[in-house]
Amino acid sequence: MVEANNTTVTLQVHRFTPHPERAERARGGSPFAKKSSPFGGGSDSAARRRPRGKQWVQEYTIPARPSDTVLDCLLTIKRTIDPTLAFRYSCGHGMCGSDAAAINGTPTLLCTATVRDWAKQPSTAPEVDDEGFRRTGDETANEPDVPVENVENVENNITEGSLGVIELASLPGFPPQRDLIADIDPMLNQIRKLTPYLQADGVLATTAEGKVDVFEYLQNPEQLAKYETLSNCIACGVCEGACPVYAGGDAFVGPAALIWASRFINDSRDTKAMDRMDAIDTADGVAGCQSVRACSLQCPRGIDVGEEMWQIVAKVRER
């Protein structure tokens, strides 16, 4: 099917420009202010505090096809309309995770979200009754169906006119740096604290002839399967933005850090599994997970984050 080129889409972008830092803040602030701990990088909640700045919503209406990605649309805007629009991307193919943002309120990747899947017509907005409550599906279940000819007219209008509206904002749970760029350093710092690398015993295996044993870390398929899926995590932050505990600002290490910890706990070659479980067996570790499983909904790498979280929580408690 050949897509029409005379269609448009409207992007409603929640923009943000930070205020310049004051001179005294740049110098370190008051000498009598409370100092951060010398053993850490300061409070994670402070690092996630939203900076002050100018906030506004800006609309852009551009030509687009249903198969275009939201990233394609943003690049069109930046190259032809507004070069000041800020967003982050790298590979553009869902492999790096750098372009995570909120589309219509849902954390996902800009480069994998298509206009066809995310554009919504103004008429699809939830209806509100006289008392200000949204109408539920049960209340509209008995309403008459739209006539077939009207449905065809709607489809023709979409084909020849507007594809709809897409709302964009920076990734929830992280302080915005500018427009759609979120500061994900708090998440990366949490991952680093949990030593996201293989820790073996350091003993070099040798053969009977005294040569290096190249099969020292050979694994069977069952051992590989325990952590292989988890190794696909690209630390995009989508699961953290979807998590109501982490994005809500509560003290919680977050699902991304726990996934990285679980990846090495399940690795048969790693010798620090007990130490890793001790590190996450805290009030802001596995105890902070409320098993909402919203973290699984939009993972770009297909990881069932909620199930993996349940598995690591059970393993920590049973050890």
Protein backbone atom coordinates (compact mmCIF):
# COMPACT_ATOMS: atom_id res chain seq x y z
CA MET A 1 0.00 0.00 0.00
CA VAL A 2 1.42 3.39 -1.02
CA GLU A 3 1.11 6.02 1.70
CA ALA A 4 -0.08 9.51 0.82
CA ASN A 5 2.37 12.38 1.12
CA ASN A 6 -0.24 15.08 1.75
CA THR A 7 -0.74 14.25 5.42
CA THR A 8 0.43 16.18 8.46
CA VAL A 9 1.00 15.52 12.15
CA THR A 10 1.03 17.96 15.05
CA LEU A 11 3.66 17.58 17.77
CA GLN A 12 2.96 19.21 21.13
CA VAL A 13 6.39 19.46 22.74
CA HIS A 14 6.81 20.26 26.44
CA ARG A 15 9.86 22.50 26.25
CA PHE A 16 12.22 23.51 29.04
CA THR A 17 15.09 25.96 29.24
CA PRO A 18 17.02 26.05 32.54
CA HIS A 19 17.87 29.29 34.26
CA PRO A 20 21.60 30.12 34.39
CA GLU A 21 23.19 29.06 37.66
CA ARG A 22 23.91 31.81 40.12
CA ALA A 23 27.53 32.78 40.69
CA GLU A 24 27.51 31.68 44.32
CA ARG A 25 26.22 28.26 43.33
CA ALA A 26 28.97 27.90 40.76
CA ARG A 27 31.54 28.64 43.50
CA GLY A 28 30.06 26.03 45.79
CA GLY A 29 27.48 28.02 47.76
CA SER A 30 27.64 29.04 51.40
CA PRO A 31 30.56 27.64 53.43
CA PHE A 32 28.04 26.96 56.22
CA ALA A 33 25.77 24.84 54.04
CA LYS A 34 25.37 21.14 54.80
CA LYS A 35 28.07 19.16 53.08
CA SER A 36 27.47 15.88 51.29
CA SER A 37 29.00 12.69 52.60
CA PRO A 38 32.68 12.17 51.71
CA PHE A 39 31.82 8.56 50.98
CA GLY A 40 29.25 9.21 48.26
CA GLY A 41 28.08 11.59 45.61
CA GLY A 42 25.39 13.24 47.67
CA SER A 43 21.68 12.58 47.92
CA ASP A 44 20.09 10.81 44.97
CA SER A 45 16.86 12.69 45.62
CA ALA A 46 18.79 15.97 45.37
CA ALA A 47 20.31 14.85 42.09
CA ARG A 48 16.82 14.11 40.75
CA ARG A 49 15.39 17.45 41.84
CA ARG A 50 13.82 19.33 38.93
CA PRO A 51 15.90 22.38 38.02
CA ARG A 52 14.30 25.78 37.67
CA GLY A 53 13.70 27.24 34.29
CA LYS A 54 11.21 28.35 31.66
CA GLN A 55 8.55 25.80 30.74
CA TRP A 56 6.06 25.98 27.90
CA VAL A 57 4.28 23.82 25.33
CA GLN A 58 5.04 24.47 21.68
CA GLU A 59 3.14 23.03 18.74
CA TYR A 60 4.65 22.07 15.40
CA THR A 61 2.57 20.89 12.43
CA ILE A 62 4.67 19.23 9.74
CA PRO A 63 4.14 16.93 6.73
CA ALA A 64 4.44 13.30 7.79
CA ARG A 65 3.56 9.77 6.79
CA PRO A 66 2.07 7.12 9.09
CA SER A 67 5.27 5.07 8.85
CA ASP A 68 7.51 7.96 9.97
CA THR A 69 8.97 7.70 13.44
CA VAL A 70 8.62 10.42 16.02
CA LEU A 71 12.39 10.90 15.76
CA ASP A 72 11.98 11.52 12.02
CA CYS A 73 9.44 14.23 12.81
CA LEU A 74 11.70 15.89 15.36
CA LEU A 75 14.60 15.90 12.93
CA THR A 76 12.37 17.55 10.33
CA ILE A 77 11.43 20.24 12.83
CA LYS A 78 15.03 20.86 13.87
CA ARG A 79 16.33 21.01 10.29
CA THR A 80 13.58 23.07 8.70
CA ILE A 81 11.61 24.95 11.37
CA ASP A 82 13.23 25.34 14.79
CA PRO A 83 16.94 24.59 15.29
CA THR A 84 16.64 25.42 19.00
CA LEU A 85 14.57 22.31 19.74
CA ALA A 86 16.70 19.98 21.87
CA PHE A 87 16.49 16.18 21.99
CA ARG A 88 18.97 13.34 22.23
CA TYR A 89 19.54 10.45 19.82
CA SER A 90 22.42 8.38 18.45
CA CYS A 91 21.87 5.18 16.45
CA GLY A 92 18.23 5.84 15.54
CA HIS A 93 17.42 2.12 15.50
CA GLY A 94 16.46 1.28 19.09
CA MET A 95 19.88 -0.09 20.04
CA CYS A 96 21.49 2.71 22.07
CA GLY A 97 18.51 3.89 24.14
CA SER A 98 19.66 7.51 24.18
CA ASP A 99 16.40 8.97 22.83
CA ALA A 100 14.03 7.80 25.56
CA ALA A 101 11.21 10.26 26.21
CA ALA A 102 7.53 10.37 27.16
CA ILE A 103 5.14 10.06 24.21
CA ASN A 104 1.53 10.78 25.16
CA GLY A 105 2.66 10.28 28.75
CA THR A 106 4.22 6.86 28.10
CA PRO A 107 8.01 6.35 28.36
CA THR A 108 9.40 4.83 25.15
CA LEU A 109 12.04 5.41 22.45
CA LEU A 110 11.50 8.14 19.87
CA CYS A 111 13.20 6.14 17.12
CA THR A 112 10.90 3.11 17.39
CA ALA A 113 7.61 4.98 17.88
CA THR A 114 5.75 5.55 14.61
CA VAL A 115 3.22 8.23 13.84
CA ARG A 116 0.70 5.52 12.96
CA ASP A 117 0.89 4.03 16.45
CA TRP A 118 1.05 7.20 18.56
CA ALA A 119 -0.84 9.97 16.78
CA LYS A 120 -4.27 10.51 18.30
CA GLN A 121 -7.22 12.44 16.99
CA PRO A 122 -8.65 15.20 19.20
CA SER A 123 -11.96 13.32 19.31
CA THR A 124 -10.27 10.38 21.07
CA ALA A 125 -9.68 12.45 24.22
CA PRO A 126 -11.51 11.00 27.27
CA GLU A 127 -14.97 12.44 27.70
CA VAL A 128 -15.87 14.13 30.98
CA ASP A 129 -19.33 14.06 32.54
CA ASP A 130 -21.15 16.94 34.22
CA GLU A 131 -19.44 16.24 37.56
CA GLY A 132 -15.94 16.34 36.07
CA PHE A 133 -15.27 12.59 36.01
CA ARG A 134 -13.92 10.77 32.99
CA ARG A 135 -16.36 8.41 31.33
CA THR A 136 -15.34 4.78 31.56
CA GLY A 137 -15.66 2.06 28.94
CA ASP A 138 -18.69 0.56 30.70
CA GLU A 139 -20.62 3.79 30.36
CA THR A 140 -20.08 3.92 26.60
CA ALA A 141 -20.50 0.22 25.91
CA ASN A 142 -24.22 0.53 25.16
CA GLU A 143 -23.93 3.57 22.91
CA PRO A 144 -24.79 3.04 19.22
CA ASP A 145 -21.89 2.25 16.89
CA VAL A 146 -20.67 4.83 14.44
CA PRO A 147 -22.26 4.24 11.00
CA VAL A 148 -19.99 2.61 8.45
CA GLU A 149 -20.17 5.58 6.10
CA ASN A 150 -19.01 7.89 8.91
CA VAL A 151 -16.06 5.62 9.67
CA GLU A 152 -15.05 5.75 6.03
CA ASN A 153 -15.26 9.54 6.09
CA VAL A 154 -12.98 9.68 9.15
CA GLU A 155 -10.44 7.42 7.45
CA ASN A 156 -10.52 9.55 4.30
CA ASN A 157 -9.98 12.70 6.33
CA ILE A 158 -6.97 11.14 8.05
CA THR A 159 -5.55 10.00 4.71
CA GLU A 160 -5.91 13.42 3.14
CA GLY A 161 -5.39 15.67 6.18
CA SER A 162 -4.12 15.44 9.71
CA LEU A 163 -2.83 12.17 11.13
CA GLY A 164 -3.43 13.49 14.61
CA VAL A 165 -1.56 14.93 17.59
CA ILE A 166 1.43 13.55 19.48
CA GLU A 167 2.41 14.94 22.89
CA LEU A 168 6.09 14.82 23.83
CA ALA A 169 7.88 15.43 27.13
CA SER A 170 11.18 14.48 28.73
CA LEU A 171 11.52 11.11 30.44
CA PRO A 172 9.59 11.00 33.76
CA GLY A 173 11.54 10.41 36.95
CA PHE A 174 14.59 12.37 35.81
CA PRO A 175 15.33 16.10 35.93
CA PRO A 176 15.13 17.69 32.47
CA GLN A 177 18.26 19.32 31.10
CA ARG A 178 16.64 21.00 28.10
CA ASP A 179 13.40 20.26 26.23
CA LEU A 180 13.27 16.47 25.67
CA ILE A 181 16.74 15.76 27.11
CA ALA A 182 16.61 14.22 30.58
CA ASP A 183 19.52 13.87 32.98
CA ILE A 184 19.84 10.09 33.46
CA ASP A 185 23.05 10.32 35.53
CA PRO A 186 21.19 9.28 38.74
CA MET A 187 20.28 5.96 37.09
CA LEU A 188 23.79 5.41 35.71
CA ASN A 189 25.30 6.19 39.12
CA GLN A 190 23.05 3.59 40.76
CA ILE A 191 24.15 1.02 38.20
CA ARG A 192 27.83 1.84 38.81
CA LYS A 193 27.40 1.43 42.57
CA LEU A 194 26.36 -2.20 42.03
CA THR A 195 29.62 -3.10 40.19
CA PRO A 196 28.15 -3.93 36.75
CA TYR A 197 30.99 -6.15 35.60
CA LEU A 198 32.05 -9.77 36.00
CA GLN A 199 33.95 -10.56 39.20
CA ALA A 200 35.71 -13.91 39.01
CA ASP A 201 38.03 -15.49 41.56
CA GLY A 202 41.13 -14.27 39.70
CA VAL A 203 42.73 -17.69 39.55
CA LEU A 204 44.04 -18.51 36.09
CA ALA A 205 43.02 -22.04 35.15
CA THR A 206 45.65 -24.24 33.53
CA THR A 207 45.66 -27.62 31.84
CA ALA A 208 47.63 -30.67 32.95
CA GLU A 209 50.42 -29.53 30.63
CA GLY A 210 50.63 -26.19 32.39
CA LYS A 211 49.06 -24.21 29.54
CA VAL A 212 46.27 -21.67 29.95
CA ASP A 213 42.87 -23.36 29.94
CA VAL A 214 40.91 -21.47 27.27
CA PHE A 215 37.72 -23.26 28.36
CA GLU A 216 37.92 -21.87 31.90
CA TYR A 217 34.59 -20.06 31.63
CA LEU A 218 32.82 -22.42 29.28
CA GLN A 219 29.07 -22.51 30.02
CA ASN A 220 26.30 -24.86 29.06
CA PRO A 221 23.11 -23.52 27.38
CA GLU A 222 21.17 -23.57 30.65
CA GLN A 223 23.75 -21.39 32.41
CA LEU A 224 23.83 -18.95 29.50
CA ALA A 225 20.04 -18.69 29.35
CA LYS A 226 19.86 -17.48 32.97
CA TYR A 227 21.42 -14.13 32.20
CA GLU A 228 21.49 -13.79 28.40
CA THR A 229 18.22 -11.87 28.14
CA LEU A 230 19.27 -9.51 30.93
CA SER A 231 22.48 -8.68 29.08
CA ASN A 232 20.35 -6.99 26.39
CA CYS A 233 19.54 -4.07 28.72
CA ILE A 234 20.68 -0.78 27.12
CA ALA A 235 20.09 1.42 30.21
CA CYS A 236 17.65 3.66 28.34
CA GLY A 237 15.65 4.51 31.48
CA VAL A 238 12.25 3.60 30.03
CA CYS A 239 11.54 1.13 32.84
CA GLU A 240 12.50 3.72 35.45
CA GLY A 241 10.30 6.38 33.88
CA ALA A 242 7.38 3.92 33.88
CA CYS A 243 7.95 2.82 37.49
CA PRO A 244 5.56 4.76 39.76
CA VAL A 245 7.89 4.26 42.73
CA TYR A 246 11.06 5.52 41.06
CA ALA A 247 9.42 8.22 38.93
CA GLY A 248 7.40 9.25 41.97
CA GLY A 249 10.58 10.34 43.71
CA ASP A 250 10.65 7.70 46.46
CA ALA A 251 13.95 6.27 47.69
CA PHE A 252 14.37 3.33 45.31
CA VAL A 253 17.41 2.15 43.40
CA GLY A 254 15.20 1.55 40.37
CA PRO A 255 14.50 -1.42 38.09
CA ALA A 256 17.42 -0.73 35.72
CA ALA A 257 20.03 -1.05 38.45
CA LEU A 258 18.39 -4.21 39.80
CA ILE A 259 18.32 -5.73 36.31
CA TRP A 260 22.05 -5.12 35.96
CA ALA A 261 22.68 -6.64 39.38
CA SER A 262 20.52 -9.65 38.50
CA ARG A 263 22.44 -10.17 35.27
CA PHE A 264 25.65 -10.91 37.22
CA ILE A 265 23.96 -12.70 40.10
CA ASN A 266 22.63 -15.20 37.56
CA ASP A 267 26.01 -15.59 35.84
CA SER A 268 27.65 -18.89 36.82
CA ARG A 269 31.11 -17.37 36.23
CA ASP A 270 30.67 -14.62 38.83
CA THR A 271 31.88 -15.32 42.38
CA LYS A 272 30.29 -12.34 44.14
CA ALA A 273 26.63 -13.30 43.98
CA MET A 274 26.15 -13.18 47.76
CA ASP A 275 27.85 -9.79 48.03
CA ARG A 276 25.68 -8.47 45.20
CA MET A 277 22.50 -9.67 46.92
CA ASP A 278 23.62 -8.08 50.18
CA ALA A 279 24.10 -4.78 48.36
CA ILE A 280 20.51 -4.71 47.05
CA ASP A 281 18.89 -6.18 50.19
CA THR A 282 18.12 -2.72 51.55
CA ALA A 283 15.13 -0.48 52.12
CA ASP A 284 15.79 1.35 48.85
CA GLY A 285 16.78 -1.87 47.05
CA VAL A 286 14.55 -4.89 46.50
CA ALA A 287 12.34 -3.79 49.40
CA GLY A 288 11.38 -0.70 47.42
CA CYS A 289 9.85 -2.69 44.56
CA GLN A 290 6.04 -2.75 44.81
CA SER A 291 5.54 -5.31 42.00
CA VAL A 292 3.46 -2.93 39.90
CA ARG A 293 5.15 -4.33 36.75
CA ALA A 294 4.68 -1.13 34.77
CA CYS A 295 8.40 -1.44 34.02
CA SER A 296 7.68 -4.29 31.59
CA LEU A 297 5.28 -2.48 29.29
CA GLN A 298 7.61 -0.56 26.97
CA CYS A 299 11.05 -2.20 27.32
CA PRO A 300 12.63 -1.73 23.85
CA ARG A 301 14.73 -4.88 24.24
CA GLY A 302 11.79 -7.14 25.11
CA ILE A 303 12.86 -7.84 28.70
CA ASP A 304 10.02 -8.75 31.03
CA VAL A 305 11.41 -6.41 33.68
CA GLY A 306 8.58 -7.01 36.13
CA GLU A 307 9.09 -10.79 36.06
CA GLU A 308 12.86 -10.42 36.44
CA MET A 309 12.31 -8.08 39.36
CA TRP A 310 10.07 -10.62 41.03
CA GLN A 311 12.69 -13.32 40.47
CA ILE A 312 15.54 -11.31 42.00
CA VAL A 313 13.41 -10.24 44.96
CA ALA A 314 12.54 -13.89 45.65
CA LYS A 315 16.18 -14.96 45.30
CA VAL A 316 17.38 -12.30 47.74
CA ARG A 317 14.79 -13.25 50.33
CA GLU A 318 15.44 -16.98 50.02
CA ARG A 319 19.24 -16.88 50.22
